[in-house]
Amino acid sequence: MKCKTHNVILSAMFDRSSDSAKNLHDPVSELLMGMRLRGASYGRLQLSPPFGIRFPAGPEARFHFVARGKVLLRAPGEAGRELCCGDAVLLPRGEVHEIVTGPHVQIRDYESYTRKPLCADVAAVEACIKTADPENDTLIFTGRMEFELDTLHPLVGLMPQIMSVGALIGRQPELMPLLDAMEREMGEERVGSAGILARLADVVAASIVRGWVECGCGDATGWIEALRDPRLGRVIAALHREPGRNWTLADMAEEMGSSRSVFAKRFVEVTGVTPQRYVLALRMRLAEQWFRRDKLSIDTAARRLGFGSQAAFARAFKRVVGEPPGQTRRKAATGAENGKKTRKNGAAREI
């Protein structure tokens, strides 16, 4: 069974009809409607303790689900977090972290494991000691997931380093059947289980994010409340809705219904940057995503984002991203080509 990469859209948890969109008055909800989780790749891990795995830092979020066994999740600046059977966690910014079975085990990089493709986006890692009791093996389902607006989205940067499903069960009991289904699919290895696990993982990860938002976004509460300012919130939502528009300070102030000085001061208070820098960063990060994910041409990206020339766009892109747009596109193309060769040779490798 061939499984495909699926978009899990947080806005699916809201009413997305055109009539509702037209009547939407909550800027936070409007921003959430544009925040999507896109599954990039997944792995089914079956490992015999003791073991330690280091997952590298990357631009995507990282998701883990423990279907059998007990492990410890370690990340810089975080106390070790014990994960047991049925636990799921999301690391929204994909920082480097480790999954270990004890404090003094040998650590091995995740990329060093040999992978066996199960379907288009799921690979199996089996590092097991063949014993008479394979039930002692640890089973973990892991995945890389990309926020559609990448780390640019204001909420992503404010999320905790590690987000757990455990805190949500009391408020979202509907998650229990999903977690139970993941556990069964991992244990039984039925036909098509790899694709089903990928879909379930996407839904659970999106539910973790939604639960955090519904609970006031933790330490980001002040930022959320500021966004709920009906006037400033309209501006921020409009910028995300029309990033290619030739936004002037006067345009944005008019959207808020205030003077330019009042608007500029309020915007900096909420976002920490000037309106012009916010718009520029929004455009460049969108372009970066288009190059990596959609293989968009530089000329097309420049026109979409309102630049009059490729040269002006290239200068702005390098200033924000740190490298020319052509280099970003070449890296994306090289990574995709390497991925194809790896799958063809029968060893799925995550980049």
C-alpha atoms as a PDB file:
ATOM      1  CA  MET A   1       0.000   0.000   0.000  1.00  0.00           C
ATOM      2  CA  LYS A   2       1.487   3.306  -1.052  1.00  0.00           C
ATOM      3  CA  CYS A   3       1.053   6.061   1.491  1.00  0.00           C
ATOM      4  CA  LYS A   4       1.318   9.743   0.645  1.00  0.00           C
ATOM      5  CA  THR A   5       2.411  12.798   2.594  1.00  0.00           C
ATOM      6  CA  HIS A   6      -0.682  14.399   4.049  1.00  0.00           C
ATOM      7  CA  ASN A   7      -1.406  17.912   5.232  1.00  0.00           C
ATOM      8  CA  VAL A   8      -3.052  18.071   8.616  1.00  0.00           C
ATOM      9  CA  ILE A   9      -4.672  21.452   8.821  1.00  0.00           C
ATOM     10  CA  LEU A  10      -5.340  22.969  12.199  1.00  0.00           C
ATOM     11  CA  SER A  11      -8.079  24.954  10.583  1.00  0.00           C
ATOM     12  CA  ALA A  12      -9.929  21.700   9.945  1.00  0.00           C
ATOM     13  CA  MET A  13     -10.715  21.947  13.640  1.00  0.00           C
ATOM     14  CA  PHE A  14     -12.420  25.259  12.942  1.00  0.00           C
ATOM     15  CA  ASP A  15     -15.204  26.107  10.498  1.00  0.00           C
ATOM     16  CA  ARG A  16     -13.478  26.758   7.174  1.00  0.00           C
ATOM     17  CA  SER A  17     -16.514  27.552   5.013  1.00  0.00           C
ATOM     18  CA  SER A  18     -16.248  30.681   2.893  1.00  0.00           C
ATOM     19  CA  ASP A  19     -19.156  32.306   4.717  1.00  0.00           C
ATOM     20  CA  SER A  20     -17.495  31.730   8.076  1.00  0.00           C
ATOM     21  CA  ALA A  21     -14.208  33.112   6.758  1.00  0.00           C
ATOM     22  CA  LYS A  22     -15.934  36.281   5.591  1.00  0.00           C
ATOM     23  CA  ASN A  23     -17.598  36.781   8.968  1.00  0.00           C
ATOM     24  CA  LEU A  24     -14.530  35.892  11.037  1.00  0.00           C
ATOM     25  CA  HIS A  25     -13.717  38.628  13.583  1.00  0.00           C
ATOM     26  CA  ASP A  26     -11.053  36.855  15.660  1.00  0.00           C
ATOM     27  CA  PRO A  27      -7.532  37.526  14.286  1.00  0.00           C
ATOM     28  CA  VAL A  28      -6.064  34.670  16.335  1.00  0.00           C
ATOM     29  CA  SER A  29      -8.439  32.193  14.730  1.00  0.00           C
ATOM     30  CA  GLU A  30      -7.629  33.657  11.319  1.00  0.00           C
ATOM     31  CA  LEU A  31      -3.903  33.133  11.912  1.00  0.00           C
ATOM     32  CA  LEU A  32      -4.573  29.581  13.089  1.00  0.00           C
ATOM     33  CA  MET A  33      -6.434  28.918   9.866  1.00  0.00           C
ATOM     34  CA  GLY A  34      -3.139  29.474   8.081  1.00  0.00           C
ATOM     35  CA  MET A  35      -1.040  27.236  10.351  1.00  0.00           C
ATOM     36  CA  ARG A  36      -0.714  23.758   8.895  1.00  0.00           C
ATOM     37  CA  LEU A  37       1.301  20.701   9.841  1.00  0.00           C
ATOM     38  CA  ARG A  38       2.664  18.822   6.856  1.00  0.00           C
ATOM     39  CA  GLY A  39       4.124  15.375   7.489  1.00  0.00           C
ATOM     40  CA  ALA A  40       7.593  15.088   5.894  1.00  0.00           C
ATOM     41  CA  SER A  41       8.780  11.581   6.805  1.00  0.00           C
ATOM     42  CA  TYR A  42       8.259   8.945   9.461  1.00  0.00           C
ATOM     43  CA  GLY A  43      10.038   6.019  11.050  1.00  0.00           C
ATOM     44  CA  ARG A  44       8.914   2.892  12.874  1.00  0.00           C
ATOM     45  CA  LEU A  45      11.603   1.993  15.411  1.00  0.00           C
ATOM     46  CA  GLN A  46      11.939  -1.416  17.066  1.00  0.00           C
ATOM     47  CA  LEU A  47      14.930  -1.442  19.405  1.00  0.00           C
ATOM     48  CA  SER A  48      16.220  -3.721  22.148  1.00  0.00           C
ATOM     49  CA  PRO A  49      17.267  -1.953  25.370  1.00  0.00           C
ATOM     50  CA  PRO A  50      19.663  -0.568  26.345  1.00  0.00           C
ATOM     51  CA  PHE A  51      19.961   2.087  23.659  1.00  0.00           C
ATOM     52  CA  GLY A  52      20.303   5.826  23.128  1.00  0.00           C
ATOM     53  CA  ILE A  53      19.362   7.774  19.987  1.00  0.00           C
ATOM     54  CA  ARG A  54      20.311  11.351  19.183  1.00  0.00           C
ATOM     55  CA  PHE A  55      17.925  13.204  16.842  1.00  0.00           C
ATOM     56  CA  PRO A  56      19.600  16.145  15.066  1.00  0.00           C
ATOM     57  CA  ALA A  57      18.275  19.677  15.020  1.00  0.00           C
ATOM     58  CA  GLY A  58      16.291  20.538  11.912  1.00  0.00           C
ATOM     59  CA  PRO A  59      13.853  23.074  10.496  1.00  0.00           C
ATOM     60  CA  GLU A  60      10.867  20.765  10.996  1.00  0.00           C
ATOM     61  CA  ALA A  61       8.999  19.759  14.131  1.00  0.00           C
ATOM     62  CA  ARG A  62       9.692  16.281  15.503  1.00  0.00           C
ATOM     63  CA  PHE A  63       6.981  13.912  16.805  1.00  0.00           C
ATOM     64  CA  HIS A  64       7.437  10.752  18.900  1.00  0.00           C
ATOM     65  CA  PHE A  65       4.931   8.132  20.022  1.00  0.00           C
ATOM     66  CA  VAL A  66       5.889   5.268  22.362  1.00  0.00           C
ATOM     67  CA  ALA A  67       3.876   2.142  21.633  1.00  0.00           C
ATOM     68  CA  ARG A  68       5.835  -0.205  23.901  1.00  0.00           C
ATOM     69  CA  GLY A  69       8.468   0.197  26.576  1.00  0.00           C
ATOM     70  CA  LYS A  70       9.733   3.090  28.670  1.00  0.00           C
ATOM     71  CA  VAL A  71      12.285   5.722  27.608  1.00  0.00           C
ATOM     72  CA  LEU A  72      13.700   9.059  28.726  1.00  0.00           C
ATOM     73  CA  LEU A  73      13.541  12.147  26.493  1.00  0.00           C
ATOM     74  CA  ARG A  74      16.454  14.518  27.022  1.00  0.00           C
ATOM     75  CA  ALA A  75      16.831  17.981  25.488  1.00  0.00           C
ATOM     76  CA  PRO A  76      19.151  20.918  26.266  1.00  0.00           C
ATOM     77  CA  GLY A  77      17.735  23.090  29.009  1.00  0.00           C
ATOM     78  CA  GLU A  78      15.041  20.527  29.889  1.00  0.00           C
ATOM     79  CA  ALA A  79      14.835  18.030  32.713  1.00  0.00           C
ATOM     80  CA  GLY A  80      14.689  14.443  31.475  1.00  0.00           C
ATOM     81  CA  ARG A  81      11.105  13.475  30.652  1.00  0.00           C
ATOM     82  CA  GLU A  82       9.940   9.880  31.053  1.00  0.00           C
ATOM     83  CA  LEU A  83       7.792   8.530  28.226  1.00  0.00           C
ATOM     84  CA  CYS A  84       5.788   5.353  28.698  1.00  0.00           C
ATOM     85  CA  CYS A  85       3.517   3.249  26.525  1.00  0.00           C
ATOM     86  CA  GLY A  86       0.872   5.492  24.944  1.00  0.00           C
ATOM     87  CA  ASP A  87       2.796   8.770  25.401  1.00  0.00           C
ATOM     88  CA  ALA A  88       3.190  11.198  22.501  1.00  0.00           C
ATOM     89  CA  VAL A  89       5.290  14.380  22.346  1.00  0.00           C
ATOM     90  CA  LEU A  90       5.878  17.138  19.807  1.00  0.00           C
ATOM     91  CA  LEU A  91       9.035  19.250  19.608  1.00  0.00           C
ATOM     92  CA  PRO A  92       7.682  22.130  17.473  1.00  0.00           C
ATOM     93  CA  ARG A  93      11.047  23.708  16.639  1.00  0.00           C
ATOM     94  CA  GLY A  94      12.948  20.451  16.160  1.00  0.00           C
ATOM     95  CA  GLU A  95      15.877  21.111  18.505  1.00  0.00           C
ATOM     96  CA  VAL A  96      18.491  18.415  19.019  1.00  0.00           C
ATOM     97  CA  HIS A  97      17.373  15.827  21.580  1.00  0.00           C
ATOM     98  CA  GLU A  98      17.940  12.251  22.715  1.00  0.00           C
ATOM     99  CA  ILE A  99      15.758   9.255  23.517  1.00  0.00           C
ATOM    100  CA  VAL A 100      17.493   6.875  25.913  1.00  0.00           C
ATOM    101  CA  THR A 101      16.639   3.895  28.113  1.00  0.00           C
ATOM    102  CA  GLY A 102      18.960   4.939  30.925  1.00  0.00           C
ATOM    103  CA  PRO A 103      21.390   7.639  32.088  1.00  0.00           C
ATOM    104  CA  HIS A 104      24.628   5.945  31.004  1.00  0.00           C
ATOM    105  CA  VAL A 105      23.845   4.306  27.672  1.00  0.00           C
ATOM    106  CA  GLN A 106      25.866   4.733  24.491  1.00  0.00           C
ATOM    107  CA  ILE A 107      24.343   7.386  22.211  1.00  0.00           C
ATOM    108  CA  ARG A 108      23.997   6.719  18.492  1.00  0.00           C
ATOM    109  CA  ASP A 109      22.957   9.230  15.837  1.00  0.00           C
ATOM    110  CA  TYR A 110      19.571   8.506  14.295  1.00  0.00           C
ATOM    111  CA  GLU A 111      20.909   8.844  10.737  1.00  0.00           C
ATOM    112  CA  SER A 112      23.373   6.027  11.338  1.00  0.00           C
ATOM    113  CA  TYR A 113      20.635   3.373  11.531  1.00  0.00           C
ATOM    114  CA  THR A 114      19.834   1.332   8.440  1.00  0.00           C
ATOM    115  CA  ARG A 115      16.270   1.881   7.279  1.00  0.00           C
ATOM    116  CA  LYS A 116      13.928  -0.411   5.393  1.00  0.00           C
ATOM    117  CA  PRO A 117      11.205   1.381   3.384  1.00  0.00           C
ATOM    118  CA  LEU A 118       7.665   0.436   4.384  1.00  0.00           C
ATOM    119  CA  CYS A 119       5.961   2.883   2.000  1.00  0.00           C
ATOM    120  CA  ALA A 120       6.692   6.219   0.349  1.00  0.00           C
ATOM    121  CA  ASP A 121       7.186   8.218   3.556  1.00  0.00           C
ATOM    122  CA  VAL A 122       7.665   5.599   6.282  1.00  0.00           C
ATOM    123  CA  ALA A 123      10.814   3.568   6.953  1.00  0.00           C
ATOM    124  CA  ALA A 124      11.493   0.877   9.552  1.00  0.00           C
ATOM    125  CA  VAL A 125      14.519   0.764  11.849  1.00  0.00           C
ATOM    126  CA  GLU A 126      15.127  -2.593  13.509  1.00  0.00           C
ATOM    127  CA  ALA A 127      18.040  -2.824  15.917  1.00  0.00           C
ATOM    128  CA  CYS A 128      16.916  -5.796  17.942  1.00  0.00           C
ATOM    129  CA  ILE A 129      18.618  -8.547  19.855  1.00  0.00           C
ATOM    130  CA  LYS A 130      16.921 -11.747  18.705  1.00  0.00           C
ATOM    131  CA  THR A 131      15.573 -13.366  21.859  1.00  0.00           C
ATOM    132  CA  ALA A 132      12.792 -15.688  22.796  1.00  0.00           C
ATOM    133  CA  ASP A 133      10.878 -12.699  24.187  1.00  0.00           C
ATOM    134  CA  PRO A 134      10.660  -9.910  21.560  1.00  0.00           C
ATOM    135  CA  GLU A 135       7.968  -8.273  23.706  1.00  0.00           C
ATOM    136  CA  ASN A 136      10.832  -6.643  25.607  1.00  0.00           C
ATOM    137  CA  ASP A 137      11.708  -4.578  22.527  1.00  0.00           C
ATOM    138  CA  THR A 138      10.805  -0.893  22.567  1.00  0.00           C
ATOM    139  CA  LEU A 139       8.477   0.362  19.817  1.00  0.00           C
ATOM    140  CA  ILE A 140       8.508   4.035  18.827  1.00  0.00           C
ATOM    141  CA  PHE A 141       6.867   5.853  15.919  1.00  0.00           C
ATOM    142  CA  THR A 142       8.683   9.058  14.996  1.00  0.00           C
ATOM    143  CA  GLY A 143       8.135  11.715  12.366  1.00  0.00           C
ATOM    144  CA  ARG A 144       9.359  15.001  10.961  1.00  0.00           C
ATOM    145  CA  MET A 145       6.551  17.508  10.475  1.00  0.00           C
ATOM    146  CA  GLU A 146       6.726  20.914   8.838  1.00  0.00           C
ATOM    147  CA  PHE A 147       4.654  23.895   9.874  1.00  0.00           C
ATOM    148  CA  GLU A 148       3.391  25.350   6.622  1.00  0.00           C
ATOM    149  CA  LEU A 149       4.602  28.789   7.673  1.00  0.00           C
ATOM    150  CA  ASP A 150       7.761  27.249   9.134  1.00  0.00           C
ATOM    151  CA  THR A 151       9.248  28.861  12.268  1.00  0.00           C
ATOM    152  CA  LEU A 152       8.125  32.273  11.041  1.00  0.00           C
ATOM    153  CA  HIS A 153       4.609  31.801  12.384  1.00  0.00           C
ATOM    154  CA  PRO A 154       4.470  33.820  15.633  1.00  0.00           C
ATOM    155  CA  LEU A 155       2.902  30.998  17.598  1.00  0.00           C
ATOM    156  CA  VAL A 156       5.546  28.439  16.628  1.00  0.00           C
ATOM    157  CA  GLY A 157       8.348  30.527  18.083  1.00  0.00           C
ATOM    158  CA  LEU A 158       6.433  30.872  21.353  1.00  0.00           C
ATOM    159  CA  MET A 159       5.604  27.194  21.806  1.00  0.00           C
ATOM    160  CA  PRO A 160       7.317  25.188  24.560  1.00  0.00           C
ATOM    161  CA  GLN A 161      10.370  23.176  23.556  1.00  0.00           C
ATOM    162  CA  ILE A 162       8.478  19.942  24.283  1.00  0.00           C
ATOM    163  CA  MET A 163       4.689  19.566  24.108  1.00  0.00           C
ATOM    164  CA  SER A 164       3.073  16.441  25.521  1.00  0.00           C
ATOM    165  CA  VAL A 165      -0.249  14.781  24.820  1.00  0.00           C
ATOM    166  CA  GLY A 166      -0.514  13.759  28.470  1.00  0.00           C
ATOM    167  CA  ALA A 167      -1.711  17.166  29.629  1.00  0.00           C
ATOM    168  CA  LEU A 168      -4.544  17.106  27.101  1.00  0.00           C
ATOM    169  CA  ILE A 169      -6.234  13.805  27.848  1.00  0.00           C
ATOM    170  CA  GLY A 170      -8.521  15.270  30.525  1.00  0.00           C
ATOM    171  CA  ARG A 171      -9.741  18.018  28.187  1.00  0.00           C
ATOM    172  CA  GLN A 172      -9.667  16.021  24.954  1.00  0.00           C
ATOM    173  CA  PRO A 173     -10.779  12.465  25.750  1.00  0.00           C
ATOM    174  CA  GLU A 174     -11.279  11.909  22.023  1.00  0.00           C
ATOM    175  CA  LEU A 175      -7.487  11.556  21.770  1.00  0.00           C
ATOM    176  CA  MET A 176      -7.509   8.256  23.664  1.00  0.00           C
ATOM    177  CA  PRO A 177      -8.981   6.210  20.781  1.00  0.00           C
ATOM    178  CA  LEU A 178      -6.367   7.720  18.443  1.00  0.00           C
ATOM    179  CA  LEU A 179      -3.510   6.782  20.769  1.00  0.00           C
ATOM    180  CA  ASP A 180      -4.984   3.311  21.281  1.00  0.00           C
ATOM    181  CA  ALA A 181      -5.239   2.884  17.508  1.00  0.00           C
ATOM    182  CA  MET A 182      -1.591   3.884  17.073  1.00  0.00           C
ATOM    183  CA  GLU A 183      -0.550   1.383  19.721  1.00  0.00           C
ATOM    184  CA  ARG A 184      -2.496  -1.414  18.018  1.00  0.00           C
ATOM    185  CA  GLU A 185      -1.138  -0.589  14.565  1.00  0.00           C
ATOM    186  CA  MET A 186       2.417  -0.585  15.909  1.00  0.00           C
ATOM    187  CA  GLY A 187       2.018  -3.944  17.631  1.00  0.00           C
ATOM    188  CA  GLU A 188       0.075  -5.862  15.002  1.00  0.00           C
ATOM    189  CA  GLU A 189       1.883  -4.675  11.824  1.00  0.00           C
ATOM    190  CA  ARG A 190      -1.205  -5.162   9.690  1.00  0.00           C
ATOM    191  CA  VAL A 191      -1.358  -4.486   5.962  1.00  0.00           C
ATOM    192  CA  GLY A 192      -1.247  -0.720   5.389  1.00  0.00           C
ATOM    193  CA  SER A 193      -0.346   0.025   9.002  1.00  0.00           C
ATOM    194  CA  ALA A 194       2.515   2.342   8.028  1.00  0.00           C
ATOM    195  CA  GLY A 195       0.237   4.720   6.135  1.00  0.00           C
ATOM    196  CA  ILE A 196      -2.422   4.658   8.854  1.00  0.00           C
ATOM    197  CA  LEU A 197       0.189   5.401  11.523  1.00  0.00           C
ATOM    198  CA  ALA A 198       1.391   8.417   9.545  1.00  0.00           C
ATOM    199  CA  ARG A 199      -2.128   9.805   9.325  1.00  0.00           C
ATOM    200  CA  LEU A 200      -2.832   9.198  13.017  1.00  0.00           C
ATOM    201  CA  ALA A 201       0.456  10.832  14.001  1.00  0.00           C
ATOM    202  CA  ASP A 202      -0.452  13.960  12.022  1.00  0.00           C
ATOM    203  CA  VAL A 203      -3.829  14.240  13.762  1.00  0.00           C
ATOM    204  CA  VAL A 204      -2.370  13.691  17.252  1.00  0.00           C
ATOM    205  CA  ALA A 205       0.364  16.293  16.644  1.00  0.00           C
ATOM    206  CA  ALA A 206      -2.181  18.845  15.399  1.00  0.00           C
ATOM    207  CA  SER A 207      -4.342  18.123  18.458  1.00  0.00           C
ATOM    208  CA  ILE A 208      -1.381  18.820  20.746  1.00  0.00           C
ATOM    209  CA  VAL A 209      -0.939  22.248  19.151  1.00  0.00           C
ATOM    210  CA  ARG A 210      -4.647  23.018  19.313  1.00  0.00           C
ATOM    211  CA  GLY A 211      -4.766  22.065  22.992  1.00  0.00           C
ATOM    212  CA  TRP A 212      -1.923  24.450  23.743  1.00  0.00           C
ATOM    213  CA  VAL A 213      -3.696  27.278  21.926  1.00  0.00           C
ATOM    214  CA  GLU A 214      -7.022  26.600  23.654  1.00  0.00           C
ATOM    215  CA  CYS A 215      -5.328  26.724  27.059  1.00  0.00           C
ATOM    216  CA  GLY A 216      -4.072  30.247  26.481  1.00  0.00           C
ATOM    217  CA  CYS A 217      -0.700  29.348  24.909  1.00  0.00           C
ATOM    218  CA  GLY A 218       1.149  29.066  28.212  1.00  0.00           C
ATOM    219  CA  ASP A 219       3.731  31.826  28.619  1.00  0.00           C
ATOM    220  CA  ALA A 220       2.589  33.378  25.344  1.00  0.00           C
ATOM    221  CA  THR A 221      -0.708  34.508  26.877  1.00  0.00           C
ATOM    222  CA  GLY A 222       0.259  38.189  26.755  1.00  0.00           C
ATOM    223  CA  TRP A 223       1.065  37.988  23.050  1.00  0.00           C
ATOM    224  CA  ILE A 224      -2.227  36.246  22.327  1.00  0.00           C
ATOM    225  CA  GLU A 225      -4.183  38.816  24.298  1.00  0.00           C
ATOM    226  CA  ALA A 226      -2.430  41.595  22.397  1.00  0.00           C
ATOM    227  CA  LEU A 227      -3.409  39.939  19.124  1.00  0.00           C
ATOM    228  CA  ARG A 228      -6.979  39.932  20.322  1.00  0.00           C
ATOM    229  CA  ASP A 229      -6.837  43.706  20.111  1.00  0.00           C
ATOM    230  CA  PRO A 230      -9.464  43.905  17.344  1.00  0.00           C
ATOM    231  CA  ARG A 231      -7.596  46.697  15.533  1.00  0.00           C
ATOM    232  CA  LEU A 232      -3.974  45.504  15.642  1.00  0.00           C
ATOM    233  CA  GLY A 233      -5.032  41.902  15.162  1.00  0.00           C
ATOM    234  CA  ARG A 234      -6.675  42.870  11.881  1.00  0.00           C
ATOM    235  CA  VAL A 235      -3.367  44.228  10.613  1.00  0.00           C
ATOM    236  CA  ILE A 236      -1.327  41.134  11.491  1.00  0.00           C
ATOM    237  CA  ALA A 237      -3.930  38.834   9.956  1.00  0.00           C
ATOM    238  CA  ALA A 238      -3.996  40.983   6.809  1.00  0.00           C
ATOM    239  CA  LEU A 239      -0.207  40.810   6.457  1.00  0.00           C
ATOM    240  CA  HIS A 240      -0.309  37.011   6.558  1.00  0.00           C
ATOM    241  CA  ARG A 241      -3.254  36.951   4.175  1.00  0.00           C
ATOM    242  CA  GLU A 242      -1.599  39.228   1.581  1.00  0.00           C
ATOM    243  CA  PRO A 243       2.187  39.004   2.041  1.00  0.00           C
ATOM    244  CA  GLY A 244       2.825  40.156  -1.556  1.00  0.00           C
ATOM    245  CA  ARG A 245       0.934  43.418  -1.232  1.00  0.00           C
ATOM    246  CA  ASN A 246       2.998  46.601  -1.305  1.00  0.00           C
ATOM    247  CA  TRP A 247       2.373  47.410   2.348  1.00  0.00           C
ATOM    248  CA  THR A 248       3.289  50.921   3.467  1.00  0.00           C
ATOM    249  CA  LEU A 249       3.230  52.133   7.041  1.00  0.00           C
ATOM    250  CA  ALA A 250       0.258  54.306   6.096  1.00  0.00           C
ATOM    251  CA  ASP A 251      -1.604  51.268   4.703  1.00  0.00           C
ATOM    252  CA  MET A 252      -1.060  49.281   7.879  1.00  0.00           C
ATOM    253  CA  ALA A 253      -2.020  52.207  10.093  1.00  0.00           C
ATOM    254  CA  GLU A 254      -5.188  52.682   8.068  1.00  0.00           C
ATOM    255  CA  GLU A 255      -5.991  48.969   8.506  1.00  0.00           C
ATOM    256  CA  MET A 256      -5.712  49.496  12.261  1.00  0.00           C
ATOM    257  CA  GLY A 257      -7.604  52.786  12.137  1.00  0.00           C
ATOM    258  CA  SER A 258      -4.950  54.898  13.847  1.00  0.00           C
ATOM    259  CA  SER A 259      -2.121  57.295  13.134  1.00  0.00           C
ATOM    260  CA  ARG A 260       1.159  55.922  11.819  1.00  0.00           C
ATOM    261  CA  SER A 261       3.027  56.749  15.044  1.00  0.00           C
ATOM    262  CA  VAL A 262       0.456  55.065  17.288  1.00  0.00           C
ATOM    263  CA  PHE A 263       0.338  52.003  15.051  1.00  0.00           C
ATOM    264  CA  ALA A 264       4.129  51.660  14.782  1.00  0.00           C
ATOM    265  CA  LYS A 265       4.584  51.932  18.563  1.00  0.00           C
ATOM    266  CA  ARG A 266       1.859  49.366  19.264  1.00  0.00           C
ATOM    267  CA  PHE A 267       3.192  46.957  16.647  1.00  0.00           C
ATOM    268  CA  VAL A 268       6.705  46.982  18.113  1.00  0.00           C
ATOM    269  CA  GLU A 269       5.279  46.450  21.616  1.00  0.00           C
ATOM    270  CA  VAL A 270       3.467  43.298  20.477  1.00  0.00           C
ATOM    271  CA  THR A 271       5.871  41.708  17.997  1.00  0.00           C
ATOM    272  CA  GLY A 272       9.258  43.051  19.069  1.00  0.00           C
ATOM    273  CA  VAL A 273      10.090  44.256  15.537  1.00  0.00           C
ATOM    274  CA  THR A 274       9.054  47.129  13.317  1.00  0.00           C
ATOM    275  CA  PRO A 275       6.166  46.597  10.864  1.00  0.00           C
ATOM    276  CA  GLN A 276       8.544  46.822   7.899  1.00  0.00           C
ATOM    277  CA  ARG A 277      10.890  44.169   9.313  1.00  0.00           C
ATOM    278  CA  TYR A 278       7.952  41.905  10.082  1.00  0.00           C
ATOM    279  CA  VAL A 279       6.658  42.114   6.511  1.00  0.00           C
ATOM    280  CA  LEU A 280      10.126  41.523   5.048  1.00  0.00           C
ATOM    281  CA  ALA A 281      10.731  38.477   7.272  1.00  0.00           C
ATOM    282  CA  LEU A 282       7.303  37.097   6.402  1.00  0.00           C
ATOM    283  CA  ARG A 283       8.029  37.371   2.677  1.00  0.00           C
ATOM    284  CA  MET A 284      11.513  35.866   2.831  1.00  0.00           C
ATOM    285  CA  ARG A 285      10.542  32.911   5.009  1.00  0.00           C
ATOM    286  CA  LEU A 286       7.630  32.163   2.703  1.00  0.00           C
ATOM    287  CA  ALA A 287      10.014  32.295  -0.256  1.00  0.00           C
ATOM    288  CA  GLU A 288      12.432  29.978   1.531  1.00  0.00           C
ATOM    289  CA  GLN A 289       9.607  27.505   2.110  1.00  0.00           C
ATOM    290  CA  TRP A 290       8.477  27.716  -1.528  1.00  0.00           C
ATOM    291  CA  PHE A 291      12.025  26.952  -2.687  1.00  0.00           C
ATOM    292  CA  ARG A 292      12.423  23.967  -0.359  1.00  0.00           C
ATOM    293  CA  ARG A 293       8.960  22.466  -0.682  1.00  0.00           C
ATOM    294  CA  ASP A 294       7.570  23.581  -4.040  1.00  0.00           C
ATOM    295  CA  LYS A 295      10.808  24.101  -6.035  1.00  0.00           C
ATOM    296  CA  LEU A 296       9.438  27.486  -7.115  1.00  0.00           C
ATOM    297  CA  SER A 297      11.566  29.591  -9.462  1.00  0.00           C
ATOM    298  CA  ILE A 298      13.237  32.723  -8.122  1.00  0.00           C
ATOM    299  CA  ASP A 299      11.416  34.922 -10.625  1.00  0.00           C
ATOM    300  CA  THR A 300       8.010  33.509  -9.646  1.00  0.00           C
ATOM    301  CA  ALA A 301       8.706  33.956  -5.939  1.00  0.00           C
ATOM    302  CA  ALA A 302       9.848  37.536  -6.497  1.00  0.00           C
ATOM    303  CA  ARG A 303       6.684  38.395  -8.435  1.00  0.00           C
ATOM    304  CA  ARG A 304       4.401  36.694  -5.891  1.00  0.00           C
ATOM    305  CA  LEU A 305       5.943  38.738  -3.112  1.00  0.00           C
ATOM    306  CA  GLY A 306       5.667  42.075  -4.891  1.00  0.00           C
ATOM    307  CA  PHE A 307       9.298  42.681  -5.876  1.00  0.00           C
ATOM    308  CA  GLY A 308       9.937  44.623  -9.049  1.00  0.00           C
ATOM    309  CA  SER A 309      13.094  42.713  -9.939  1.00  0.00           C
ATOM    310  CA  GLN A 310      14.928  39.493  -9.161  1.00  0.00           C
ATOM    311  CA  ALA A 311      17.945  41.505  -8.062  1.00  0.00           C
ATOM    312  CA  ALA A 312      15.994  43.398  -5.380  1.00  0.00           C
ATOM    313  CA  PHE A 313      14.419  40.168  -4.190  1.00  0.00           C
ATOM    314  CA  ALA A 314      17.792  38.377  -4.082  1.00  0.00           C
ATOM    315  CA  ARG A 315      19.348  41.146  -1.981  1.00  0.00           C
ATOM    316  CA  ALA A 316      16.471  41.059   0.506  1.00  0.00           C
ATOM    317  CA  PHE A 317      16.508  37.261   0.661  1.00  0.00           C
ATOM    318  CA  LYS A 318      20.233  37.098   1.412  1.00  0.00           C
ATOM    319  CA  ARG A 319      19.909  39.796   4.071  1.00  0.00           C
ATOM    320  CA  VAL A 320      17.172  37.887   5.934  1.00  0.00           C
ATOM    321  CA  VAL A 321      18.014  34.218   5.262  1.00  0.00           C
ATOM    322  CA  GLY A 322      21.802  34.538   5.103  1.00  0.00           C
ATOM    323  CA  GLU A 323      22.383  33.051   1.654  1.00  0.00           C
ATOM    324  CA  PRO A 324      21.345  33.785  -1.963  1.00  0.00           C
ATOM    325  CA  PRO A 325      18.024  32.310  -3.115  1.00  0.00           C
ATOM    326  CA  GLY A 326      19.792  30.233  -5.776  1.00  0.00           C
ATOM    327  CA  GLN A 327      21.834  28.488  -3.098  1.00  0.00           C
ATOM    328  CA  THR A 328      18.707  27.658  -1.102  1.00  0.00           C
ATOM    329  CA  ARG A 329      17.062  26.197  -4.219  1.00  0.00           C
ATOM    330  CA  ARG A 330      20.169  24.128  -5.064  1.00  0.00           C
ATOM    331  CA  LYS A 331      20.285  22.707  -1.543  1.00  0.00           C
ATOM    332  CA  ALA A 332      16.615  21.735  -1.780  1.00  0.00           C
ATOM    333  CA  ALA A 333      17.122  20.101  -5.183  1.00  0.00           C
ATOM    334  CA  THR A 334      20.207  18.213  -3.983  1.00  0.00           C
ATOM    335  CA  GLY A 335      18.375  16.965  -0.910  1.00  0.00           C
ATOM    336  CA  ALA A 336      15.401  15.759  -2.964  1.00  0.00           C
ATOM    337  CA  GLU A 337      17.666  13.995  -5.464  1.00  0.00           C
ATOM    338  CA  ASN A 338      19.619  12.286  -2.674  1.00  0.00           C
ATOM    339  CA  GLY A 339      16.361  11.163  -1.120  1.00  0.00           C
ATOM    340  CA  LYS A 340      15.234   9.601  -4.402  1.00  0.00           C
ATOM    341  CA  LYS A 341      18.525   7.757  -4.841  1.00  0.00           C
ATOM    342  CA  THR A 342      18.414   6.497  -1.274  1.00  0.00           C
ATOM    343  CA  ARG A 343      14.886   5.146  -1.625  1.00  0.00           C
ATOM    344  CA  LYS A 344      15.793   3.531  -4.946  1.00  0.00           C
ATOM    345  CA  ASN A 345      18.690   1.738  -3.278  1.00  0.00           C
ATOM    346  CA  GLY A 346      16.354   0.399  -0.615  1.00  0.00           C
ATOM    347  CA  ALA A 347      17.566   2.347   2.379  1.00  0.00           C
ATOM    348  CA  ALA A 348      15.322   5.264   3.305  1.00  0.00           C
ATOM    349  CA  ARG A 349      17.373   8.008   4.899  1.00  0.00           C
ATOM    350  CA  GLU A 350      16.059  11.144   6.567  1.00  0.00           C
ATOM    351  CA  ILE A 351      17.870  14.375   5.891  1.00  0.00           C
END
